[in-house]
Protein backbone atom coordinates (compact mmCIF):
# COMPACT_ATOMS: atom_id res chain seq x y z
CA MET A 1 0.00 0.00 0.00
CA TRP A 2 1.28 3.46 -0.90
CA GLY A 3 0.47 6.47 1.20
CA PHE A 4 0.76 10.02 -0.08
CA ALA A 5 -0.66 13.43 0.66
CA LEU A 6 -2.05 16.10 -1.60
CA TYR A 7 -1.28 19.73 -0.77
CA TYR A 8 -4.06 22.25 -1.24
CA ALA A 9 -2.62 25.76 -1.42
CA GLY A 10 -6.03 27.40 -1.03
CA SER A 11 -6.45 25.93 2.44
CA ASP A 12 -2.71 25.55 3.17
CA ARG A 13 -3.12 21.92 4.20
CA TYR A 14 -2.29 18.37 3.19
CA GLU A 15 -4.86 15.60 2.82
CA ASP A 16 -3.78 11.97 3.20
CA SER A 17 -4.61 9.47 0.46
CA ARG A 18 -3.85 5.80 -0.08
CA LEU A 19 -3.29 3.57 -3.08
CA PRO A 20 -3.80 -0.11 -2.13
CA THR A 21 -1.57 -1.55 -4.87
CA GLY A 22 0.70 -0.42 -7.64
CA THR A 23 3.94 1.33 -8.32
CA PRO A 24 5.18 4.78 -7.26
CA ALA A 25 4.34 6.02 -10.78
CA GLU A 26 0.75 4.81 -10.36
CA ALA A 27 0.56 6.59 -6.99
CA LEU A 28 1.63 9.82 -8.71
CA ASP A 29 -0.93 9.28 -11.48
CA CYS A 30 -3.62 8.72 -8.86
CA ALA A 31 -2.62 11.90 -6.98
CA CYS A 32 -2.75 13.93 -10.18
CA GLN A 33 -6.18 12.56 -11.09
CA LEU A 34 -7.52 13.29 -7.59
CA HIS A 35 -6.15 16.82 -7.69
CA LEU A 36 -7.48 17.61 -11.15
CA ALA A 37 -10.87 15.96 -10.53
CA ALA A 38 -11.59 18.01 -7.42
CA PRO A 39 -10.53 21.61 -8.09
CA GLY A 40 -12.94 23.03 -5.49
CA ILE A 41 -11.42 21.23 -2.50
């Protein structure tokens, strides 16, 4: 399991996320998709 955090500059905070399987590259892809899919957070 990979753990990573997304930084939201608008709220000056990090939000933890998890990727149950995969490679570091897939974790980065997941983080980018989460960030781009939720611009209002």
